[in-house]
Amino acid sequence: MNPTRTNSRSSRTRRTGAPAFGSAAGSTRGSRFGSSSAPSRSGGPSRSGGYGRRPAAVQGEFALPKTITPALPAVEAFADLDMPGELLAALSTQGVSVPFPIQAATLPNSLAGRDVLGCGRTGSGKTLAFGLALLARTAGQRAEPRQPLALILVPTRELAQQVTEALTPYARALGLRTATVVGGMPIGRQASALRGGAEMVVATPGRLKDLIDRGDCRLNQVAITVLDEADQMADMGFMPQVTALLDQVRPEGQRMLFSATLDRNVDLLVRRYLTDPVVHSVDPSQGAVTTMEHHVLHVHGADKHATTTEIAARDGRVIMFLDTKHAVDRLTQDLLNSGVRAAALHGGKSQPQRTRTLAQFKTGHVTVLVATNVAARGIHVDNLDLVVNVDPPTDHKDYLHRGGRTARAGESGSVVTLVTPNQRRDMTRLMAAAGIVPQTTQVRSGEEALNRITGSQTPSGIPVTITAPVSERPKRSASSRGRRRPASAAQRMSLRQSAFDAAA
């Protein structure tokens, strides 16, 4: 298979007159992370590490474009798709037998080279919906050094790692090389992977731009481009970087845009970069997941901390969302002091710390993940049945994405939001915007109603410490145990210069 388009792109035009994100039309979004305070190059938030409250989103429902060329019909099985045998065998090995609705609807078209605009709630199977088509159409090709053939742009490091993990078994089955390009990790190692040749690159915009500026990557051979969670890129102020990257890929190439929510923030991307796209929406961008319960728990401010602690002490894992990294750190320490195995996740943590924390949460070594919105997308944990908004979100999209960490892939789960009296009016408006009618209950710590809804219980009160896994150092061979080799003159000069710089 090759990436030649079935529909001609020779007439593709760039609407350069359209307002750019972060400028006139998007100033309410770009003002926090853009302009004088540009987005960080890590693919994450600004250097403060905060994923706290942000300005209100551009209001209004996204107007879906009309498809001119009729879409191909959906399929009932992966075997009905025109995919390499190795890919079908890998799906069987991974235990993936029946396509999810968004996969069944979009794959026939994306495999044929059509542009796709797909909207589906978190956990609905979007990654394989775009990933299988990208891999199948790239199969059999070999990338030149520094010139990938397919690109997946994502807003956060966590989502980049999850997409890579999800697609790696299938890429390996086809003999395709992958590279993950994100901030917070050694750029030299990523540059080396690109120089060695990688057919598929999963990247956050800032770090990819850095590598292009260094001359370690060129996008002129990219024939298939995917934007995953493009609305969050707009929310975080990354659209100028995204459009600059899209302008560098092959103009006749295929574009796919997938998201759990679509709003007017992505309208420019659709109008400017998608040609006669096949549009498919599994769920409306505003709506509830049928396997998910939504609870609003009215609490008194003085009792909120005790209520939160009892929920955290439940049997089973839970993600708790707060507005700021400082609040996350404070609650995490309080929970540890109370005997709850908790760990913090926010933009102020290094990438190795974030990766280790997620691994500990997924294995159950940590039972409570206390997080900012950095964890609202791109995190999949099997059998996670409870998400708690300790601080209610300010945006209905944030609510849907936070809640989307549970009830994934058809499983059931609950989303609980703690609401104090002064927050009730705003929460009512948010739920209406999300299209959700929650169950509302007045609760206090220690009450049966709180236990019935959340499984809460009294913590042990015995402080705990979360230890990092011990990594063994490689043993030195017998031949290396003798006297150290004398330092060279250049090394001695470097050491002296370092000491001088430190003293200065």
Protein backbone atom coordinates (compact mmCIF):
# COMPACT_ATOMS: atom_id res chain seq x y z
CA MET A 1 0.00 0.00 0.00
CA ASN A 2 1.17 3.51 -0.67
CA PRO A 3 0.00 6.92 0.45
CA THR A 4 -1.19 8.08 -2.99
CA ARG A 5 -4.51 9.82 -2.48
CA THR A 6 -7.70 8.50 -4.04
CA ASN A 7 -9.06 12.04 -4.21
CA SER A 8 -6.92 14.70 -5.84
CA ARG A 9 -5.33 17.36 -3.65
CA SER A 10 -3.93 19.49 -6.42
CA SER A 11 -6.56 22.09 -5.66
CA ARG A 12 -5.77 22.32 -1.93
CA THR A 13 -5.59 25.95 -0.89
CA ARG A 14 -4.31 27.56 2.30
CA ARG A 15 -6.60 30.20 3.66
CA THR A 16 -3.92 32.50 4.87
CA GLY A 17 -6.43 35.27 5.44
CA ALA A 18 -8.11 33.40 8.26
CA PRO A 19 -7.30 34.63 11.76
CA ALA A 20 -4.61 32.59 13.46
CA PHE A 21 -5.09 31.03 16.86
CA GLY A 22 -3.58 33.09 19.63
CA SER A 23 -4.18 36.29 17.64
CA ALA A 24 -7.42 38.18 17.16
CA ALA A 25 -9.87 35.31 17.17
CA GLY A 26 -8.11 33.26 19.79
CA SER A 27 -6.77 35.94 22.09
CA THR A 28 -8.77 34.73 25.08
CA ARG A 29 -6.99 31.39 24.84
CA GLY A 30 -3.55 32.48 23.74
CA SER A 31 -3.15 35.17 26.35
CA ARG A 32 -2.31 32.67 29.09
CA PHE A 33 0.26 30.53 27.33
CA GLY A 34 1.07 32.65 24.29
CA SER A 35 2.08 36.22 23.43
CA SER A 36 4.47 37.52 26.06
CA SER A 37 4.50 34.12 27.76
CA ALA A 38 4.96 31.67 24.92
CA PRO A 39 4.08 27.99 25.28
CA SER A 40 6.88 25.95 26.72
CA ARG A 41 8.82 23.77 24.34
CA SER A 42 8.08 20.66 26.33
CA GLY A 43 4.69 20.04 24.79
CA GLY A 44 3.19 20.84 28.19
CA PRO A 45 2.08 23.93 30.04
CA SER A 46 4.00 27.06 30.86
CA ARG A 47 7.06 26.80 33.09
CA SER A 48 4.96 27.28 36.18
CA GLY A 49 3.70 23.78 35.55
CA GLY A 50 0.16 24.88 36.27
CA TYR A 51 -2.80 23.30 34.56
CA GLY A 52 -5.16 25.31 36.70
CA ARG A 53 -8.15 27.40 35.85
CA ARG A 54 -8.02 28.96 32.45
CA PRO A 55 -10.15 31.51 30.56
CA ALA A 56 -13.54 30.35 29.38
CA ALA A 57 -13.58 28.47 26.08
CA VAL A 58 -14.77 29.99 22.85
CA GLN A 59 -18.46 29.32 23.08
CA GLY A 60 -20.68 27.73 20.46
CA GLU A 61 -20.99 24.28 18.96
CA PHE A 62 -18.58 23.35 16.18
CA ALA A 63 -20.26 23.41 12.76
CA LEU A 64 -19.32 20.09 11.13
CA PRO A 65 -18.29 20.42 7.48
CA LYS A 66 -20.44 18.76 4.84
CA THR A 67 -18.92 15.82 3.00
CA ILE A 68 -19.12 16.16 -0.77
CA THR A 69 -17.93 12.69 -1.76
CA PRO A 70 -20.08 9.98 -0.14
CA ALA A 71 -18.33 8.01 2.58
CA LEU A 72 -17.68 4.29 2.25
CA PRO A 73 -19.97 2.14 4.42
CA ALA A 74 -18.89 0.90 7.83
CA VAL A 75 -17.59 -2.64 8.28
CA GLU A 76 -18.47 -5.28 10.84
CA ALA A 77 -15.06 -6.93 11.23
CA PHE A 78 -11.40 -6.00 10.81
CA ALA A 79 -11.12 -8.83 8.25
CA ASP A 80 -13.43 -6.83 5.97
CA LEU A 81 -10.83 -4.07 5.72
CA ASP A 82 -8.06 -3.78 3.14
CA MET A 83 -5.18 -4.16 5.60
CA PRO A 84 -1.96 -6.20 5.46
CA GLY A 85 -2.18 -9.73 6.83
CA GLU A 86 0.51 -8.94 9.41
CA LEU A 87 -1.70 -6.18 10.81
CA LEU A 88 -4.74 -8.45 11.03
CA ALA A 89 -2.63 -11.10 12.76
CA ALA A 90 -1.33 -8.53 15.26
CA LEU A 91 -4.89 -7.46 16.07
CA SER A 92 -5.78 -11.07 16.79
CA THR A 93 -2.67 -11.48 18.97
CA GLN A 94 -3.62 -8.38 20.95
CA GLY A 95 -7.12 -9.76 21.49
CA VAL A 96 -8.77 -7.08 19.37
CA SER A 97 -11.50 -8.84 17.42
CA VAL A 98 -14.42 -6.50 16.77
CA PRO A 99 -13.94 -2.84 15.76
CA PHE A 100 -15.46 -0.13 17.89
CA PRO A 101 -18.05 2.03 16.10
CA ILE A 102 -15.62 4.87 15.34
CA GLN A 103 -13.13 2.35 13.92
CA ALA A 104 -15.75 0.55 11.85
CA ALA A 105 -17.00 3.84 10.39
CA THR A 106 -13.76 5.66 9.64
CA LEU A 107 -11.24 2.94 8.72
CA PRO A 108 -12.72 2.09 5.29
CA ASN A 109 -12.34 5.74 4.33
CA SER A 110 -8.99 6.47 5.94
CA LEU A 111 -7.52 3.32 4.38
CA ALA A 112 -8.68 4.67 1.02
CA GLY A 113 -6.76 7.89 1.66
CA ARG A 114 -9.67 10.15 2.55
CA ASP A 115 -9.33 12.96 5.07
CA VAL A 116 -11.24 12.18 8.26
CA LEU A 117 -12.78 14.29 10.99
CA GLY A 118 -13.70 11.96 13.85
CA CYS A 119 -15.32 12.81 17.15
CA GLY A 120 -15.73 10.22 19.87
CA ARG A 121 -15.68 10.21 23.64
CA THR A 122 -12.55 9.17 25.48
CA GLY A 123 -12.09 5.42 25.48
CA SER A 124 -14.07 4.96 22.26
CA GLY A 125 -11.14 3.61 20.25
CA LYS A 126 -9.86 6.69 18.42
CA THR A 127 -6.18 5.70 18.62
CA LEU A 128 -6.63 2.53 16.57
CA ALA A 129 -9.11 4.34 14.33
CA PHE A 130 -6.37 6.59 12.99
CA GLY A 131 -3.37 4.42 13.89
CA LEU A 132 -4.29 1.32 11.90
CA ALA A 133 -4.90 3.36 8.75
CA LEU A 134 -1.65 5.27 9.17
CA LEU A 135 0.36 2.08 9.66
CA ALA A 136 -1.35 0.14 6.87
CA ARG A 137 -0.76 2.92 4.35
CA THR A 138 2.87 3.31 5.42
CA ALA A 139 3.65 -0.42 5.34
CA GLY A 140 6.42 -1.46 2.98
CA GLN A 141 8.07 1.96 2.86
CA ARG A 142 11.38 3.03 4.37
CA ALA A 143 12.07 6.49 5.74
CA GLU A 144 15.28 8.31 4.94
CA PRO A 145 17.27 9.67 7.89
CA ARG A 146 15.55 12.69 9.47
CA GLN A 147 12.55 12.36 7.12
CA PRO A 148 9.58 10.55 8.70
CA LEU A 149 6.69 9.41 6.51
CA ALA A 150 3.82 9.74 9.01
CA LEU A 151 3.22 12.14 11.88
CA ILE A 152 0.88 12.09 14.89
CA LEU A 153 0.67 15.38 16.78
CA VAL A 154 -0.64 15.31 20.35
CA PRO A 155 -0.88 18.00 23.06
CA THR A 156 0.80 16.27 26.01
CA ARG A 157 3.68 13.95 26.84
CA GLU A 158 1.37 11.45 28.52
CA LEU A 159 -0.85 11.19 25.45
CA ALA A 160 2.21 10.82 23.21
CA GLN A 161 3.46 7.92 25.30
CA GLN A 162 0.06 6.26 25.39
CA VAL A 163 -0.38 6.54 21.61
CA THR A 164 3.11 5.10 21.10
CA GLU A 165 2.44 2.19 23.45
CA ALA A 166 -0.89 1.44 21.77
CA LEU A 167 0.53 1.40 18.23
CA THR A 168 3.97 -0.12 18.78
CA PRO A 169 2.85 -3.80 18.56
CA TYR A 170 1.24 -3.13 15.19
CA ALA A 171 4.14 -1.06 13.89
CA ARG A 172 6.54 -3.84 14.94
CA ALA A 173 4.44 -6.42 13.09
CA LEU A 174 4.85 -4.38 9.90
CA GLY A 175 8.54 -3.71 10.43
CA LEU A 176 7.96 0.02 10.83
CA ARG A 177 10.21 2.12 13.05
CA THR A 178 8.70 4.63 15.47
CA ALA A 179 10.02 7.63 17.39
CA THR A 180 8.40 9.54 20.24
CA VAL A 181 9.33 13.21 20.39
CA VAL A 182 8.31 15.01 23.60
CA GLY A 183 9.70 17.57 25.99
CA GLY A 184 11.11 16.70 29.38
CA MET A 185 13.23 13.90 27.92
CA PRO A 186 16.77 13.97 26.44
CA ILE A 187 16.56 15.67 23.06
CA GLY A 188 19.78 14.02 21.90
CA ARG A 189 18.27 10.56 22.13
CA GLN A 190 15.23 11.68 20.16
CA ALA A 191 17.43 13.32 17.53
CA SER A 192 19.39 10.08 17.23
CA ALA A 193 16.18 8.11 16.61
CA LEU A 194 15.20 10.50 13.83
CA ARG A 195 18.66 10.41 12.28
CA GLY A 196 18.47 6.63 12.26
CA GLY A 197 15.20 6.75 10.34
CA ALA A 198 11.66 6.43 11.69
CA GLU A 199 8.61 5.88 9.52
CA MET A 200 6.15 7.08 12.20
CA VAL A 201 6.73 9.94 14.65
CA VAL A 202 4.48 10.73 17.62
CA ALA A 203 5.24 14.24 18.82
CA THR A 204 4.24 17.22 20.89
CA PRO A 205 4.46 20.43 18.82
CA GLY A 206 7.12 22.28 20.83
CA ARG A 207 9.73 19.52 20.90
CA LEU A 208 9.18 18.68 17.22
CA LYS A 209 9.78 22.32 16.33
CA ASP A 210 13.00 22.26 18.35
CA LEU A 211 14.27 19.23 16.44
CA ILE A 212 13.36 20.80 13.10
CA ASP A 213 15.18 24.00 14.08
CA ARG A 214 18.25 21.89 14.94
CA GLY A 215 18.16 20.24 11.51
CA ASP A 216 17.38 16.81 12.97
CA CYS A 217 13.99 16.45 11.30
CA ARG A 218 12.26 17.49 8.07
CA LEU A 219 8.57 17.04 7.36
CA ASN A 220 8.62 17.32 3.57
CA GLN A 221 8.13 13.54 3.18
CA VAL A 222 5.24 13.23 5.64
CA ALA A 223 2.30 11.90 3.64
CA ILE A 224 -0.08 11.12 6.52
CA THR A 225 -0.69 13.55 9.38
CA VAL A 226 -2.91 12.98 12.41
CA LEU A 227 -4.01 15.61 14.92
CA ASP A 228 -5.14 13.95 18.13
CA GLU A 229 -7.05 16.12 20.63
CA ALA A 230 -6.61 19.23 18.52
CA ASP A 231 -9.01 21.21 20.68
CA GLN A 232 -6.69 20.82 23.67
CA MET A 233 -3.80 22.12 21.57
CA ALA A 234 -5.87 25.21 20.94
CA ASP A 235 -6.76 25.48 24.62
CA MET A 236 -3.08 25.35 25.56
CA GLY A 237 -2.07 28.01 23.03
CA PHE A 238 -0.19 25.69 20.66
CA MET A 239 -2.11 26.38 17.45
CA PRO A 240 0.53 28.69 15.89
CA GLN A 241 3.07 25.89 16.30
CA VAL A 242 0.64 23.28 14.96
CA THR A 243 -0.23 25.26 11.84
CA ALA A 244 3.45 26.00 11.20
CA LEU A 245 4.18 22.26 11.32
CA LEU A 246 1.22 21.38 9.09
CA ASP A 247 2.45 23.85 6.51
CA GLN A 248 5.67 21.80 6.21
CA VAL A 249 4.18 18.39 5.42
CA ARG A 250 3.35 17.27 1.89
CA PRO A 251 0.45 19.47 0.71
CA GLU A 252 -1.22 16.58 -1.14
CA GLY A 253 -0.97 14.30 1.90
CA GLN A 254 -3.72 12.80 4.01
CA ARG A 255 -4.99 14.55 7.13
CA MET A 256 -6.96 13.01 9.99
CA LEU A 257 -8.28 14.98 12.97
CA PHE A 258 -9.69 13.07 15.94
CA SER A 259 -10.94 14.45 19.22
CA ALA A 260 -13.29 13.70 22.08
CA THR A 261 -14.70 17.22 21.85
CA LEU A 262 -14.93 19.64 18.94
CA ASP A 263 -15.61 23.35 19.18
CA ARG A 264 -14.96 26.51 17.23
CA ASN A 265 -11.33 26.50 18.29
CA VAL A 266 -10.60 23.80 15.69
CA ASP A 267 -12.68 25.35 12.91
CA LEU A 268 -9.60 26.94 11.29
CA LEU A 269 -7.79 23.61 11.19
CA VAL A 270 -10.69 21.91 9.49
CA ARG A 271 -11.24 24.65 6.92
CA ARG A 272 -7.57 25.11 6.17
CA TYR A 273 -6.18 21.58 6.20
CA LEU A 274 -8.96 19.04 5.58
CA THR A 275 -10.20 18.46 2.02
CA ASP A 276 -13.68 16.96 1.61
CA PRO A 277 -13.34 15.08 4.90
CA VAL A 278 -15.40 12.11 5.94
CA VAL A 279 -17.13 13.25 9.13
CA HIS A 280 -18.06 10.77 11.82
CA SER A 281 -19.25 11.41 15.36
CA VAL A 282 -19.79 8.44 17.67
CA ASP A 283 -21.15 10.64 20.44
CA PRO A 284 -22.03 14.33 20.35
CA SER A 285 -19.34 16.50 21.92
CA GLN A 286 -21.83 17.27 24.67
CA GLY A 287 -23.29 14.19 26.22
CA ALA A 288 -22.97 11.50 28.83
CA VAL A 289 -21.43 8.07 28.57
CA THR A 290 -24.12 5.50 29.20
CA THR A 291 -21.88 3.29 31.37
CA MET A 292 -20.85 6.19 33.60
CA GLU A 293 -22.62 7.47 36.70
CA HIS A 294 -22.37 11.18 37.55
CA HIS A 295 -22.67 12.34 41.15
CA VAL A 296 -22.60 15.84 42.56
CA LEU A 297 -21.92 15.69 46.28
CA HIS A 298 -22.83 18.82 48.23
CA VAL A 299 -20.32 19.26 51.05
CA HIS A 300 -19.60 21.94 53.63
CA GLY A 301 -16.25 23.66 53.25
CA ALA A 302 -15.12 22.69 56.74
CA ASP A 303 -15.86 19.02 56.04
CA LYS A 304 -14.50 18.83 52.49
CA HIS A 305 -10.98 17.69 53.44
CA ALA A 306 -12.24 14.89 55.69
CA THR A 307 -14.66 13.79 52.98
CA THR A 308 -11.87 13.75 50.39
CA THR A 309 -9.58 11.73 52.66
CA GLU A 310 -12.24 9.09 53.35
CA ILE A 311 -12.92 8.69 49.62
CA ALA A 312 -9.19 8.33 48.97
CA ALA A 313 -8.97 5.57 51.61
CA ARG A 314 -11.43 3.36 49.70
CA ASP A 315 -10.51 -0.07 48.40
CA GLY A 316 -9.49 0.32 44.78
CA ARG A 317 -7.84 3.04 42.74
CA VAL A 318 -9.10 6.57 42.20
CA ILE A 319 -7.94 9.69 40.36
CA MET A 320 -8.53 12.97 42.18
CA PHE A 321 -8.39 16.23 40.23
CA LEU A 322 -7.48 19.64 41.68
CA ASP A 323 -6.84 23.01 40.07
CA THR A 324 -3.22 23.75 40.92
CA LYS A 325 0.02 21.85 41.41
CA HIS A 326 0.41 23.35 44.90
CA ALA A 327 -3.00 22.02 45.95
CA VAL A 328 -2.07 18.64 44.46
CA ASP A 329 1.17 18.47 46.44
CA ARG A 330 -0.54 19.55 49.66
CA LEU A 331 -3.36 16.98 49.39
CA THR A 332 -0.92 14.22 48.42
CA GLN A 333 1.17 14.82 51.53
CA ASP A 334 -1.94 14.93 53.73
CA LEU A 335 -3.13 11.61 52.31
CA LEU A 336 0.27 9.99 52.85
CA ASN A 337 0.24 11.20 56.46
CA SER A 338 -3.22 9.66 56.87
CA GLY A 339 -2.10 6.26 55.61
CA VAL A 340 -3.29 6.52 51.98
CA ARG A 341 -0.89 5.43 49.23
CA ALA A 342 -1.07 8.59 47.10
CA ALA A 343 1.18 10.21 44.51
CA ALA A 344 1.11 13.57 42.75
CA LEU A 345 1.06 14.22 38.99
CA HIS A 346 1.35 17.71 37.53
CA GLY A 347 3.38 19.80 35.12
CA GLY A 348 5.92 20.72 37.76
CA LYS A 349 7.18 17.13 37.91
CA SER A 350 9.97 15.94 35.65
CA GLN A 351 9.04 13.50 32.91
CA PRO A 352 10.79 10.55 34.61
CA GLN A 353 8.85 11.34 37.80
CA ARG A 354 5.57 11.50 35.89
CA THR A 355 6.31 8.25 34.07
CA ARG A 356 7.23 6.47 37.32
CA THR A 357 4.12 7.75 39.09
CA LEU A 358 1.83 6.55 36.32
CA ALA A 359 3.50 3.15 36.30
CA GLN A 360 3.06 2.84 40.08
CA PHE A 361 -0.60 3.81 39.77
CA LYS A 362 -1.26 1.32 36.99
CA THR A 363 0.34 -1.52 38.96
CA GLY A 364 -1.51 -0.63 42.18
CA HIS A 365 1.63 0.33 44.11
CA VAL A 366 -0.09 3.72 44.38
CA THR A 367 -3.87 3.67 44.86
CA VAL A 368 -4.65 7.40 44.60
CA LEU A 369 -3.40 9.60 41.77
CA VAL A 370 -3.76 13.27 42.76
CA ALA A 371 -3.48 15.36 39.61
CA THR A 372 -4.08 18.57 37.75
CA ASN A 373 -5.59 18.57 34.27
CA VAL A 374 -2.30 17.17 32.95
CA ALA A 375 -3.92 13.79 33.65
CA ALA A 376 -7.28 14.64 32.06
CA ARG A 377 -6.28 13.23 28.68
CA GLY A 378 -3.95 10.55 27.47
CA ILE A 379 -4.08 8.32 30.54
CA HIS A 380 -5.62 4.88 30.32
CA VAL A 381 -5.80 2.66 33.38
CA ASP A 382 -7.63 -0.66 33.26
CA ASN A 383 -10.43 -1.19 35.76
CA LEU A 384 -10.44 2.38 37.07
CA ASP A 385 -13.98 2.86 38.36
CA LEU A 386 -13.87 6.24 40.13
CA VAL A 387 -12.80 9.78 39.27
CA VAL A 388 -13.22 12.56 41.84
CA ASN A 389 -13.27 16.27 41.08
CA VAL A 390 -12.08 17.64 44.40
CA ASP A 391 -12.01 21.03 42.68
CA PRO A 392 -14.87 21.27 40.16
CA PRO A 393 -13.68 22.04 36.62
CA THR A 394 -14.52 25.41 35.11
CA ASP A 395 -15.20 24.06 31.63
CA HIS A 396 -17.60 21.31 30.55
CA LYS A 397 -14.93 19.89 28.21
CA ASP A 398 -12.59 19.49 31.17
CA TYR A 399 -15.36 17.67 33.01
CA LEU A 400 -15.89 15.24 30.13
CA HIS A 401 -12.18 14.58 29.74
CA ARG A 402 -11.52 14.15 33.45
CA GLY A 403 -14.45 11.77 33.70
CA GLY A 404 -13.26 9.96 30.61
CA ARG A 405 -10.47 8.32 32.63
CA THR A 406 -13.12 5.90 33.86
CA ALA A 407 -15.83 3.93 32.02
CA ARG A 408 -13.44 3.32 29.14
CA ALA A 409 -13.97 0.79 26.35
CA GLY A 410 -17.45 -0.14 27.56
CA GLU A 411 -16.54 -0.57 31.24
CA SER A 412 -18.56 1.12 33.98
CA GLY A 413 -17.44 3.87 36.33
CA SER A 414 -18.45 6.88 38.38
CA VAL A 415 -17.51 10.55 38.36
CA VAL A 416 -17.95 12.36 41.66
CA THR A 417 -17.69 16.13 42.06
CA LEU A 418 -17.42 17.76 45.46
CA VAL A 419 -19.35 21.03 45.48
CA THR A 420 -19.45 23.62 48.26
CA PRO A 421 -22.45 25.96 48.61
CA ASN A 422 -20.84 28.84 46.71
CA GLN A 423 -20.04 26.53 43.75
CA ARG A 424 -23.51 25.09 43.22
CA ARG A 425 -24.77 27.60 40.65
CA ASP A 426 -21.67 27.29 38.46
CA MET A 427 -21.82 23.50 38.67
CA THR A 428 -25.45 23.47 37.54
CA ARG A 429 -24.52 25.51 34.46
CA LEU A 430 -21.53 23.28 33.71
CA MET A 431 -23.61 20.10 33.86
CA ALA A 432 -26.20 21.61 31.56
CA ALA A 433 -23.46 22.53 29.06
CA ALA A 434 -22.14 18.95 29.24
CA GLY A 435 -25.60 17.52 28.66
CA ILE A 436 -25.53 15.60 31.93
CA VAL A 437 -28.16 15.20 34.62
CA PRO A 438 -26.21 14.10 37.72
CA GLN A 439 -27.42 12.51 40.92
CA THR A 440 -27.14 15.14 43.64
CA THR A 441 -26.62 14.15 47.27
CA GLN A 442 -25.85 16.07 50.45
CA VAL A 443 -23.08 14.22 52.29
CA ARG A 444 -20.84 14.49 55.31
CA SER A 445 -17.72 12.53 56.22
CA GLY A 446 -18.47 9.23 57.92
CA GLU A 447 -22.01 8.99 56.55
CA GLU A 448 -23.47 5.91 54.86
CA ALA A 449 -24.43 7.85 51.74
CA LEU A 450 -20.80 8.77 51.09
CA ASN A 451 -19.73 5.14 51.51
CA ARG A 452 -22.52 3.89 49.23
CA ILE A 453 -21.57 6.23 46.40
CA THR A 454 -17.77 6.18 46.66
CA GLY A 455 -16.77 3.23 48.84
CA SER A 456 -15.27 5.65 51.36
CA GLN A 457 -13.81 4.44 54.62
CA THR A 458 -11.79 5.76 57.55
CA PRO A 459 -8.04 5.84 56.78
CA SER A 460 -5.60 3.96 58.99
CA GLY A 461 -3.86 7.11 60.20
CA ILE A 462 -0.47 5.37 59.94
CA PRO A 463 1.78 7.47 57.67
CA VAL A 464 3.12 5.74 54.55
CA THR A 465 6.01 6.46 52.21
CA ILE A 466 5.97 5.62 48.52
CA THR A 467 9.35 4.26 47.55
CA ALA A 468 10.71 4.26 44.02
CA PRO A 469 11.76 0.92 42.50
CA VAL A 470 15.42 0.12 43.20
CA SER A 471 17.49 -0.02 40.04
CA GLU A 472 20.56 -2.20 40.26
CA ARG A 473 23.84 -0.69 39.22
CA PRO A 474 25.86 -2.77 36.77
CA LYS A 475 28.69 -4.57 38.52
CA ARG A 476 32.19 -3.48 37.68
CA SER A 477 34.38 -6.12 36.13
CA ALA A 478 37.52 -7.27 37.95
CA SER A 479 39.69 -5.59 35.36
CA SER A 480 38.13 -2.22 36.15
CA ARG A 481 38.83 -2.32 39.89
CA GLY A 482 42.45 -1.22 39.67
CA ARG A 483 43.86 2.26 39.77
CA ARG A 484 42.01 4.94 37.85
CA ARG A 485 43.58 6.16 34.70
CA PRO A 486 45.09 9.61 35.12
CA ALA A 487 42.97 12.39 33.70
CA SER A 488 44.07 13.93 30.45
CA ALA A 489 45.21 17.55 30.30
CA ALA A 490 41.94 18.51 28.60
CA GLN A 491 39.92 16.81 31.35
CA ARG A 492 41.95 18.54 34.07
CA MET A 493 41.42 21.90 32.36
CA SER A 494 37.66 21.21 32.13
CA LEU A 495 37.48 20.36 35.83
CA ARG A 496 39.36 23.50 36.78
CA GLN A 497 37.06 25.60 34.59
CA SER A 498 33.98 23.99 36.19
CA ALA A 499 35.32 24.78 39.66
CA PHE A 500 35.99 28.37 38.61
CA ASP A 501 32.45 28.74 37.19
CA ALA A 502 30.95 27.32 40.39
CA ALA A 503 32.93 29.71 42.53
CA ALA A 504 31.86 32.64 40.37
